[in-house]
N, C-alpha and C. Protein backbone atom coordinates (compact mmCIF):
# COMPACT_ATOMS: atom_id res chain seq x y z
N MET A 1 -15.26 13.57 22.08
CA MET A 1 -16.03 12.77 21.24
C MET A 1 -17.16 11.79 22.01
N ALA A 2 -18.58 11.63 22.21
CA ALA A 2 -19.32 11.14 22.92
C ALA A 2 -20.06 10.35 22.20
N GLY A 3 -20.33 9.30 22.99
CA GLY A 3 -21.06 8.15 22.17
C GLY A 3 -21.89 7.84 22.96
N ARG A 4 -22.92 7.05 21.76
CA ARG A 4 -24.28 6.91 22.53
C ARG A 4 -25.30 5.90 22.03
N THR A 5 -25.52 4.50 22.33
CA THR A 5 -25.92 3.18 21.84
C THR A 5 -27.13 3.66 22.10
N ASP A 6 -28.35 3.20 20.82
CA ASP A 6 -29.90 3.49 20.76
C ASP A 6 -29.93 2.48 20.27
N GLY A 7 -31.12 1.45 20.24
CA GLY A 7 -31.76 0.27 19.91
C GLY A 7 -32.32 0.59 18.12
N ASP A 8 -31.75 -0.63 17.67
CA ASP A 8 -32.02 -0.26 16.16
C ASP A 8 -32.83 -1.38 15.14
N PHE A 9 -33.82 -1.45 14.92
CA PHE A 9 -34.57 -2.25 14.36
C PHE A 9 -34.08 -2.80 13.18
N GLY A 10 -34.47 -4.51 13.04
CA GLY A 10 -33.56 -4.86 12.24
C GLY A 10 -32.32 -5.24 11.98
N GLY A 11 -31.04 -5.74 11.22
CA GLY A 11 -29.86 -6.17 11.11
C GLY A 11 -29.44 -6.45 13.11
N HIS A 12 -28.82 -5.24 13.46
CA HIS A 12 -28.23 -5.42 14.40
C HIS A 12 -28.91 -4.78 15.79
N ALA A 13 -28.69 -5.72 16.81
CA ALA A 13 -29.28 -4.86 18.36
C ALA A 13 -29.13 -3.52 18.56
N ARG A 14 -28.38 -3.65 18.45
CA ARG A 14 -27.42 -1.69 18.93
C ARG A 14 -26.72 -0.90 17.32
N ARG A 15 -26.83 -0.21 17.48
CA ARG A 15 -25.99 0.29 16.63
C ARG A 15 -25.20 1.75 17.80
N ASN A 16 -23.82 2.44 17.52
CA ASN A 16 -23.18 2.79 18.16
C ASN A 16 -23.06 4.47 17.34
N GLU A 17 -23.42 5.76 18.13
CA GLU A 17 -23.75 6.90 17.32
C GLU A 17 -22.51 7.69 17.93
N PHE A 18 -21.38 8.29 17.48
CA PHE A 18 -20.60 9.20 17.68
C PHE A 18 -20.79 10.86 17.27
N HIS A 19 -20.47 11.73 17.82
CA HIS A 19 -19.98 13.03 17.39
C HIS A 19 -19.26 13.58 17.93
N VAL A 20 -18.31 14.19 16.14
CA VAL A 20 -16.73 14.77 16.42
C VAL A 20 -17.28 15.98 15.88
N GLY A 21 -16.97 16.87 16.61
CA GLY A 21 -17.78 18.34 15.99
C GLY A 21 -18.69 18.45 15.78
N ARG A 22 -19.29 18.71 14.74
CA ARG A 22 -20.18 19.19 14.60
C ARG A 22 -20.99 17.79 12.91
N THR A 23 -20.38 16.91 13.27
CA THR A 23 -20.40 15.11 12.19
C THR A 23 -21.10 14.44 13.23
N GLN A 24 -22.05 13.50 13.09
CA GLN A 24 -22.59 12.69 13.49
C GLN A 24 -21.87 11.06 13.00
N LEU A 25 -21.21 10.01 13.53
CA LEU A 25 -20.81 9.28 12.49
C LEU A 25 -21.67 7.82 13.16
N LEU A 26 -21.95 6.94 12.48
CA LEU A 26 -22.80 5.98 12.78
C LEU A 26 -22.03 4.47 12.52
N SER A 27 -22.10 3.50 13.44
CA SER A 27 -21.34 2.77 13.47
C SER A 27 -22.38 1.18 13.79
N ASN A 28 -21.65 0.33 13.46
CA ASN A 28 -22.26 -1.18 14.10
C ASN A 28 -21.77 -1.46 15.15
N GLY A 29 -22.70 -2.16 16.03
CA GLY A 29 -22.65 -2.10 17.28
C GLY A 29 -23.53 -3.91 18.11
N GLY A 30 -22.84 -4.36 18.71
CA GLY A 30 -23.79 -5.27 19.76
C GLY A 30 -23.45 -6.66 18.46
N THR A 31 -24.48 -7.37 17.77
CA THR A 31 -24.38 -8.55 17.32
C THR A 31 -24.22 -8.91 15.92
N VAL A 32 -23.52 -7.66 15.85
CA VAL A 32 -23.09 -7.43 14.03
C VAL A 32 -22.52 -8.94 13.30
N ASN A 33 -21.60 -9.48 14.18
CA ASN A 33 -20.63 -10.70 13.75
C ASN A 33 -21.25 -11.94 14.80
N ILE A 34 -22.19 -12.17 15.05
CA ILE A 34 -22.89 -12.97 16.01
C ILE A 34 -23.16 -14.52 15.25
N ASP A 35 -23.49 -14.20 13.95
CA ASP A 35 -23.33 -14.98 12.66
C ASP A 35 -22.08 -16.27 12.08
N THR A 36 -21.13 -15.14 12.93
CA THR A 36 -19.78 -15.90 12.68
C THR A 36 -18.68 -16.17 13.28
N PRO A 37 -18.84 -16.91 13.88
CA PRO A 37 -18.21 -17.38 15.53
C PRO A 37 -16.66 -17.76 15.11
N SER A 38 -16.26 -17.26 13.97
CA SER A 38 -14.61 -17.48 13.76
C SER A 38 -13.98 -16.30 13.81
N THR A 39 -15.07 -15.54 13.66
CA THR A 39 -14.36 -14.09 13.99
C THR A 39 -14.37 -13.25 15.44
N TRP A 40 -14.75 -14.68 16.05
CA TRP A 40 -15.11 -14.25 17.91
C TRP A 40 -13.40 -14.00 18.46
N SER A 41 -13.37 -13.36 19.61
CA SER A 41 -12.60 -13.66 20.54
C SER A 41 -12.05 -15.35 21.36
N HIS A 42 -11.27 -15.04 21.54
CA HIS A 42 -11.26 -16.69 22.18
C HIS A 42 -12.32 -16.98 23.41
N GLY A 43 -12.36 -15.72 23.80
CA GLY A 43 -12.79 -15.74 24.97
C GLY A 43 -14.72 -15.79 25.15
N ALA A 44 -14.76 -14.82 24.11
CA ALA A 44 -16.06 -15.49 24.06
C ALA A 44 -16.83 -16.29 22.91
N ARG A 45 -15.23 -17.20 22.11
CA ARG A 45 -15.96 -18.15 21.36
C ARG A 45 -16.15 -19.68 22.30
N ASP A 46 -15.10 -19.59 22.98
CA ASP A 46 -15.11 -20.78 23.83
C ASP A 46 -15.40 -20.65 25.67
N GLN A 47 -15.25 -19.60 26.14
CA GLN A 47 -15.86 -19.42 27.50
C GLN A 47 -17.27 -19.06 27.49
N LEU A 48 -17.34 -17.54 27.06
CA LEU A 48 -18.84 -16.59 27.05
C LEU A 48 -19.53 -18.25 25.90
N THR A 49 -19.54 -18.63 25.59
CA THR A 49 -20.97 -19.64 24.79
C THR A 49 -20.58 -20.99 25.63
N LYS A 50 -20.18 -21.75 26.28
CA LYS A 50 -19.97 -22.64 26.97
C LYS A 50 -20.54 -21.73 28.22
N TYR A 51 -20.26 -21.07 29.03
CA TYR A 51 -21.37 -20.39 30.15
C TYR A 51 -22.34 -19.69 29.89
N LEU A 52 -22.90 -19.58 28.53
CA LEU A 52 -24.30 -19.34 27.97
C LEU A 52 -25.61 -20.85 27.56
N GLY A 53 -24.08 -21.50 27.43
CA GLY A 53 -24.71 -22.80 26.50
C GLY A 53 -25.29 -22.91 25.57
N VAL A 54 -24.39 -21.71 24.79
CA VAL A 54 -24.34 -21.84 23.47
C VAL A 54 -23.93 -23.07 22.65
N ASP A 55 -24.16 -23.95 21.64
CA ASP A 55 -23.93 -25.07 20.80
C ASP A 55 -22.83 -24.38 19.55
N LEU A 56 -22.01 -24.01 19.50
CA LEU A 56 -21.18 -23.70 18.39
C LEU A 56 -21.45 -24.53 17.51
N LYS A 57 -21.00 -26.10 17.29
CA LYS A 57 -21.80 -26.41 16.66
C LYS A 57 -22.53 -26.69 15.68
N ALA A 58 -23.69 -26.53 16.46
CA ALA A 58 -25.20 -26.21 15.78
C ALA A 58 -25.17 -25.52 15.51
N LEU A 59 -24.78 -24.35 15.57
CA LEU A 59 -25.11 -22.70 15.46
C LEU A 59 -23.98 -22.99 14.09
N GLU A 60 -22.73 -23.16 13.56
CA GLU A 60 -22.07 -23.20 12.38
C GLU A 60 -22.93 -24.13 11.70
N ALA A 61 -23.40 -24.65 11.97
CA ALA A 61 -24.47 -25.70 10.70
C ALA A 61 -25.55 -25.41 10.70
N THR A 62 -25.70 -23.88 10.80
CA THR A 62 -26.92 -22.86 10.50
C THR A 62 -26.26 -22.20 9.17
N VAL A 63 -25.26 -22.04 9.64
CA VAL A 63 -24.75 -20.46 8.68
C VAL A 63 -24.10 -21.66 7.45
N GLU A 64 -24.63 -21.01 6.02
CA GLU A 64 -23.93 -21.36 4.75
C GLU A 64 -22.57 -21.22 4.68
N GLY A 65 -22.18 -21.75 3.49
CA GLY A 65 -20.73 -20.92 3.14
C GLY A 65 -20.88 -19.87 2.37
N ASP A 66 -21.82 -19.63 1.63
CA ASP A 66 -22.26 -18.12 0.44
C ASP A 66 -23.70 -18.03 0.81
N ALA A 67 -23.86 -17.65 2.19
CA ALA A 67 -25.79 -17.15 1.76
C ALA A 67 -26.00 -16.47 1.12
N TYR A 68 -25.24 -15.40 0.44
CA TYR A 68 -25.41 -14.60 -0.59
C TYR A 68 -25.89 -15.39 -2.06
N ALA A 69 -25.27 -16.16 -2.04
CA ALA A 69 -24.78 -17.00 -3.26
C ALA A 69 -26.86 -17.06 -4.05
N PRO A 70 -27.75 -17.43 -3.50
CA PRO A 70 -29.15 -17.73 -4.19
C PRO A 70 -29.39 -15.99 -4.36
N TYR A 71 -29.00 -14.89 -4.43
CA TYR A 71 -29.45 -14.06 -4.51
C TYR A 71 -28.96 -12.98 -5.72
N SER A 72 -27.86 -14.04 -5.57
CA SER A 72 -27.00 -13.28 -7.11
C SER A 72 -26.14 -11.90 -6.87
N LEU A 73 -26.02 -11.74 -5.70
CA LEU A 73 -24.97 -10.54 -5.32
C LEU A 73 -23.88 -10.36 -5.47
N ARG A 74 -23.60 -9.37 -5.57
CA ARG A 74 -21.66 -9.62 -6.10
C ARG A 74 -21.50 -8.16 -5.64
N SER A 75 -19.85 -7.94 -5.43
CA SER A 75 -19.37 -7.09 -4.88
C SER A 75 -19.00 -5.43 -5.84
N GLY A 76 -19.30 -4.48 -5.79
CA GLY A 76 -18.89 -3.54 -6.39
C GLY A 76 -19.06 -2.25 -6.16
N THR A 77 -17.89 -1.40 -6.85
CA THR A 77 -17.32 0.06 -6.25
C THR A 77 -17.74 0.93 -7.19
N LEU A 78 -18.79 2.22 -6.88
CA LEU A 78 -19.22 3.04 -7.63
C LEU A 78 -18.02 3.97 -7.65
N PHE A 79 -17.91 4.77 -8.81
CA PHE A 79 -16.50 5.73 -9.09
C PHE A 79 -17.45 6.85 -9.46
N ASN A 80 -17.65 7.75 -8.52
CA ASN A 80 -18.53 9.15 -8.81
C ASN A 80 -17.77 9.94 -10.06
N SER A 81 -18.84 11.05 -10.22
CA SER A 81 -18.38 11.60 -11.75
C SER A 81 -17.24 13.04 -10.68
N GLU A 82 -17.92 13.22 -9.72
CA GLU A 82 -17.49 14.41 -9.15
C GLU A 82 -16.09 14.08 -9.15
N ARG A 83 -15.59 12.62 -8.68
CA ARG A 83 -13.84 12.73 -8.75
C ARG A 83 -13.23 12.17 -10.08
N TRP A 84 -13.84 11.15 -10.58
CA TRP A 84 -13.82 10.00 -11.59
C TRP A 84 -14.06 10.13 -12.93
N GLY A 85 -14.84 11.75 -12.96
CA GLY A 85 -15.36 12.23 -14.61
C GLY A 85 -16.43 11.66 -14.88
N ARG A 86 -17.09 10.64 -14.55
CA ARG A 86 -18.44 10.14 -15.20
C ARG A 86 -18.57 9.14 -13.77
N ASP A 87 -20.22 8.83 -13.63
CA ASP A 87 -20.65 7.27 -12.67
C ASP A 87 -20.28 6.80 -13.41
N GLN A 88 -19.86 5.04 -13.09
CA GLN A 88 -19.28 4.34 -13.15
C GLN A 88 -19.21 3.05 -12.18
N LEU A 89 -20.07 2.08 -12.24
CA LEU A 89 -20.53 0.81 -11.21
C LEU A 89 -19.45 0.00 -11.38
N VAL A 90 -18.39 -0.68 -11.04
CA VAL A 90 -17.59 -1.72 -11.48
C VAL A 90 -17.67 -2.94 -10.21
N ILE A 91 -17.88 -3.97 -11.08
CA ILE A 91 -18.19 -5.56 -10.33
C ILE A 91 -17.34 -6.12 -10.07
N ARG A 92 -17.39 -7.00 -9.14
CA ARG A 92 -16.02 -7.64 -9.03
C ARG A 92 -16.53 -9.03 -8.79
N GLU A 93 -16.87 -9.96 -9.89
CA GLU A 93 -17.26 -11.32 -10.09
C GLU A 93 -17.02 -11.83 -8.97
N SER A 94 -17.37 -12.95 -8.36
CA SER A 94 -16.48 -13.70 -7.75
C SER A 94 -15.75 -14.87 -7.92
N GLY A 95 -14.57 -14.74 -7.42
CA GLY A 95 -13.00 -15.53 -7.82
C GLY A 95 -12.96 -14.86 -8.75
N GLU A 96 -13.26 -13.28 -9.44
CA GLU A 96 -12.60 -13.06 -10.63
C GLU A 96 -11.00 -12.47 -9.35
N SER A 97 -9.74 -12.38 -10.41
CA SER A 97 -8.59 -11.69 -9.27
C SER A 97 -8.14 -10.69 -9.37
N TRP A 98 -7.86 -9.90 -8.80
CA TRP A 98 -7.12 -8.80 -8.54
C TRP A 98 -6.82 -8.07 -9.82
N ALA A 99 -5.97 -9.23 -10.35
CA ALA A 99 -5.83 -8.01 -12.40
C ALA A 99 -6.86 -8.19 -12.84
N ALA A 100 -7.78 -8.83 -13.36
CA ALA A 100 -9.15 -8.76 -13.95
C ALA A 100 -9.36 -7.77 -13.57
N TYR A 101 -9.80 -8.07 -12.31
CA TYR A 101 -10.72 -6.50 -11.84
C TYR A 101 -10.14 -4.92 -11.51
N ALA A 102 -8.93 -5.39 -11.88
CA ALA A 102 -8.15 -3.82 -11.72
C ALA A 102 -8.49 -3.20 -13.23
N ALA A 103 -8.01 -4.44 -13.71
CA ALA A 103 -8.23 -3.85 -15.36
C ALA A 103 -9.26 -2.95 -15.92
N LYS A 104 -10.69 -2.96 -15.05
CA LYS A 104 -11.79 -2.59 -15.59
C LYS A 104 -11.86 -1.27 -14.50
N LEU A 105 -11.15 -0.82 -13.87
CA LEU A 105 -10.71 0.32 -13.33
C LEU A 105 -10.93 1.60 -13.64
N PRO A 106 -11.86 2.79 -13.41
CA PRO A 106 -11.31 3.42 -14.32
C PRO A 106 -10.30 5.12 -13.83
N MET A 107 -8.78 4.29 -13.71
CA MET A 107 -7.68 4.68 -13.31
C MET A 107 -6.74 4.66 -14.35
N SER A 108 -5.23 5.22 -14.00
CA SER A 108 -4.08 4.64 -14.94
C SER A 108 -3.47 3.84 -14.90
N ALA A 109 -3.18 2.86 -15.47
CA ALA A 109 -2.22 1.21 -15.55
C ALA A 109 -1.24 1.82 -14.27
N ALA A 110 -0.50 2.54 -13.90
CA ALA A 110 0.07 2.65 -12.63
C ALA A 110 -0.66 2.52 -11.51
N SER A 111 -1.73 3.33 -11.23
CA SER A 111 -2.71 2.63 -10.01
C SER A 111 -3.43 1.89 -10.33
N ARG A 112 -3.75 1.02 -11.19
CA ARG A 112 -3.97 -0.44 -11.09
C ARG A 112 -2.96 -1.20 -11.32
N ALA A 113 -2.10 -1.44 -11.51
CA ALA A 113 -1.00 -2.04 -11.30
C ALA A 113 -0.25 -2.00 -9.55
N ALA A 114 -0.02 -0.69 -9.51
CA ALA A 114 -0.36 -0.61 -7.90
C ALA A 114 -1.22 -1.42 -6.68
N LEU A 115 -2.37 -0.94 -7.20
CA LEU A 115 -3.50 -2.26 -6.47
C LEU A 115 -3.31 -3.47 -6.37
N VAL A 116 -2.65 -3.85 -7.27
CA VAL A 116 -2.94 -5.54 -8.07
C VAL A 116 -1.47 -6.04 -7.12
N ARG A 117 -0.76 -4.91 -6.84
CA ARG A 117 0.49 -5.67 -6.41
C ARG A 117 0.32 -4.97 -4.82
N LEU A 118 -0.71 -4.55 -4.33
CA LEU A 118 -1.13 -4.73 -2.80
C LEU A 118 -1.52 -5.40 -2.45
N TYR A 119 -2.57 -6.19 -3.58
CA TYR A 119 -3.26 -7.03 -2.55
C TYR A 119 -2.84 -8.56 -3.46
N THR A 120 -1.77 -8.62 -4.05
CA THR A 120 -1.19 -9.93 -4.24
C THR A 120 0.32 -10.28 -4.41
N THR A 121 0.87 -9.09 -3.38
CA THR A 121 2.30 -9.35 -3.22
C THR A 121 2.71 -10.27 -2.47
N ALA A 122 4.12 -11.23 -2.70
CA ALA A 122 4.62 -12.23 -0.94
C ALA A 122 5.71 -11.70 -0.88
N GLU A 123 6.06 -10.25 -2.17
CA GLU A 123 7.47 -10.11 -2.05
C GLU A 123 7.72 -9.25 -0.65
N ASP A 124 9.54 -9.70 -0.19
CA ASP A 124 9.46 -8.96 1.18
C ASP A 124 9.99 -8.11 1.10
N LEU A 125 9.71 -6.92 1.36
CA LEU A 125 9.61 -5.09 0.57
C LEU A 125 10.48 -4.79 2.10
N TYR A 126 11.39 -5.30 2.88
CA TYR A 126 11.93 -5.12 3.77
C TYR A 126 13.32 -6.17 3.51
N PRO A 127 14.40 -6.29 2.76
CA PRO A 127 15.01 -7.28 2.42
C PRO A 127 16.56 -7.26 3.11
N GLY A 128 16.63 -7.94 3.65
CA GLY A 128 17.99 -7.38 4.28
C GLY A 128 17.66 -7.12 5.73
N LEU A 129 16.32 -6.98 6.41
CA LEU A 129 15.93 -7.05 7.81
C LEU A 129 15.40 -8.40 8.73
N THR A 130 15.90 -8.15 9.80
CA THR A 130 15.07 -9.08 10.50
C THR A 130 13.68 -9.49 10.96
N ASP A 131 13.17 -10.09 11.10
CA ASP A 131 11.83 -10.02 11.36
C ASP A 131 11.55 -8.73 12.28
N ALA A 132 12.45 -8.64 13.85
CA ALA A 132 12.36 -7.73 14.54
C ALA A 132 12.67 -6.69 14.01
N GLN A 133 13.20 -5.82 13.43
CA GLN A 133 13.92 -4.57 12.31
C GLN A 133 12.30 -4.14 11.84
N LYS A 134 11.86 -4.90 11.23
CA LYS A 134 10.55 -4.87 10.24
C LYS A 134 9.80 -4.52 10.79
N LYS A 135 9.57 -5.24 11.87
CA LYS A 135 8.48 -4.74 13.10
C LYS A 135 8.72 -3.35 13.19
N GLU A 136 10.06 -3.00 13.94
CA GLU A 136 9.79 -1.71 14.35
C GLU A 136 9.95 -0.53 13.26
N VAL A 137 10.38 -0.78 11.83
CA VAL A 137 10.31 0.14 11.21
C VAL A 137 8.53 0.31 10.98
N LEU A 138 7.76 -0.83 9.98
CA LEU A 138 6.86 -0.91 10.17
C LEU A 138 6.04 0.21 11.36
N ALA A 139 5.92 -0.05 12.71
CA ALA A 139 5.75 0.39 13.72
C ALA A 139 5.69 1.92 13.82
N ARG A 140 6.68 2.33 13.18
CA ARG A 140 7.55 4.26 12.94
C ARG A 140 6.48 4.42 11.79
N THR A 141 6.38 3.42 11.10
CA THR A 141 5.79 3.96 9.65
C THR A 141 4.17 4.29 9.24
N PRO A 142 3.73 5.22 9.28
CA PRO A 142 2.64 5.33 8.84
C PRO A 142 1.96 4.38 8.02
N TYR A 143 0.16 3.72 7.43
CA TYR A 143 0.01 3.37 6.85
C TYR A 143 0.63 4.01 5.16
N GLU A 144 -0.11 5.46 5.50
CA GLU A 144 -0.50 5.75 3.85
C GLU A 144 1.14 6.21 3.18
N THR A 145 1.46 6.00 3.63
CA THR A 145 3.27 6.39 3.95
C THR A 145 4.31 4.94 2.99
N TYR A 146 3.92 3.91 4.04
CA TYR A 146 4.21 2.48 3.41
C TYR A 146 3.70 2.35 2.07
N LEU A 147 1.80 2.53 2.05
CA LEU A 147 1.43 2.41 0.69
C LEU A 147 2.08 2.95 -0.48
N ARG A 148 2.40 4.53 -0.34
CA ARG A 148 3.05 5.11 -0.80
C ARG A 148 4.48 4.58 -1.47
N GLU A 149 5.04 5.01 -0.42
CA GLU A 149 6.72 4.30 -0.89
C GLU A 149 7.16 3.16 -1.16
N LYS A 150 6.42 1.83 -0.54
CA LYS A 150 6.65 0.59 -0.74
C LYS A 150 6.30 0.13 -2.10
N LEU A 151 4.99 0.21 -1.58
CA LEU A 151 3.98 -0.48 -3.56
C LEU A 151 3.77 0.56 -4.27
N GLY A 152 3.68 2.09 -4.06
CA GLY A 152 3.64 2.87 -5.23
C GLY A 152 2.28 3.02 -5.13
N LEU A 153 1.59 3.50 -4.45
CA LEU A 153 -0.05 3.61 -4.35
C LEU A 153 0.29 5.39 -4.84
N ASP A 154 -0.51 5.79 -5.72
CA ASP A 154 -0.94 7.30 -5.80
C ASP A 154 -2.54 7.87 -5.36
N ASP A 155 -2.55 9.28 -5.51
CA ASP A 155 -3.79 9.42 -4.66
C ASP A 155 -5.16 8.36 -5.39
N ASP A 156 -5.37 7.91 -6.80
CA ASP A 156 -6.51 7.86 -7.07
C ASP A 156 -6.22 5.75 -6.62
N ALA A 157 -5.67 5.27 -6.39
CA ALA A 157 -5.26 4.19 -5.75
C ALA A 157 -5.66 4.14 -4.19
N MET A 158 -5.25 5.18 -3.93
CA MET A 158 -5.50 5.61 -2.31
C MET A 158 -6.74 5.91 -1.82
N GLU A 159 -7.61 6.28 -2.55
CA GLU A 159 -8.58 6.64 -2.94
C GLU A 159 -9.40 5.30 -2.98
N LEU A 160 -9.01 4.13 -3.74
CA LEU A 160 -9.94 3.06 -3.58
C LEU A 160 -10.01 2.15 -2.31
N VAL A 161 -8.45 2.17 -1.93
CA VAL A 161 -7.88 1.71 -0.49
C VAL A 161 -8.83 2.39 0.73
N LYS A 162 -8.71 3.82 0.69
CA LYS A 162 -9.57 4.14 2.09
C LYS A 162 -11.08 3.64 1.96
N ARG A 163 -11.55 3.70 0.83
CA ARG A 163 -12.94 3.14 0.15
C ARG A 163 -13.27 1.80 0.82
N GLY A 164 -12.02 0.97 1.42
CA GLY A 164 -12.36 -0.60 1.21
C GLY A 164 -13.05 -0.85 1.92
N THR A 165 -13.35 -0.08 3.57
CA THR A 165 -13.79 -0.72 4.53
C THR A 165 -15.63 0.27 4.38
N ASN A 166 -15.64 0.88 3.90
CA ASN A 166 -17.12 0.91 3.16
C ASN A 166 -18.55 -0.15 3.44
N GLY A 167 -17.45 -1.43 2.54
CA GLY A 167 -18.84 -2.35 2.41
C GLY A 167 -18.65 -2.79 4.47
N LEU A 168 -18.31 -3.34 4.84
CA LEU A 168 -18.04 -3.55 6.37
C LEU A 168 -18.95 -2.15 7.75
N TRP A 169 -18.42 -0.78 7.45
CA TRP A 169 -18.47 0.03 8.55
C TRP A 169 -19.33 0.95 7.68
N GLY A 170 -19.56 1.16 6.49
CA GLY A 170 -20.18 1.88 6.15
C GLY A 170 -19.46 3.64 5.74
N VAL A 171 -18.43 3.44 6.01
CA VAL A 171 -17.28 4.94 5.76
C VAL A 171 -15.80 4.25 5.83
N ASN A 172 -15.13 5.43 5.30
CA ASN A 172 -14.02 5.39 4.90
C ASN A 172 -12.56 5.46 5.76
N ALA A 173 -12.08 4.27 5.36
CA ALA A 173 -10.84 4.09 6.15
C ALA A 173 -10.26 5.67 7.41
N PRO A 174 -10.45 5.92 8.19
CA PRO A 174 -9.73 7.20 8.69
C PRO A 174 -8.44 7.47 8.12
N GLU A 175 -8.62 8.92 8.01
CA GLU A 175 -7.39 9.70 7.47
C GLU A 175 -6.46 9.99 8.28
N PRO A 176 -4.77 9.10 7.66
CA PRO A 176 -3.98 9.32 8.82
C PRO A 176 -3.28 10.75 9.62
């Protein structure tokens, strides 16, 4: 896979272009998270900013808690007619519970229940195993297998989970 970086006007200082076979993939690069120091690594946050003379407290004071609120923007998922039978945009309201959001999704009750469980459960899915044993099992288990076998996700629920990275990266999560 060959990569190339070009300047990009607006939003990001750079973008990453990758070619996989005959398919070109694009990804954010450069300063994509510069406005969110809480996501930076320890080295970047503490050492690099000090070296560059960046005052993090002053920077953080410029970032509002919800910069999108004045624009009434909300999160939404498009369910297209090719897969779901009709085009439907499902909006998730700010603060809406997973149960309330899932109730609006155009999929079976079992699919909706599995998604709610995925995003809300605190259940120990490996009772009787030590922390080290759980980590060993999880290190050997493909994520999709875990989601299907431990949380009951079917193909429809998996489709929604795979699309969960679209908002940040613009592409689905990679296939296992």
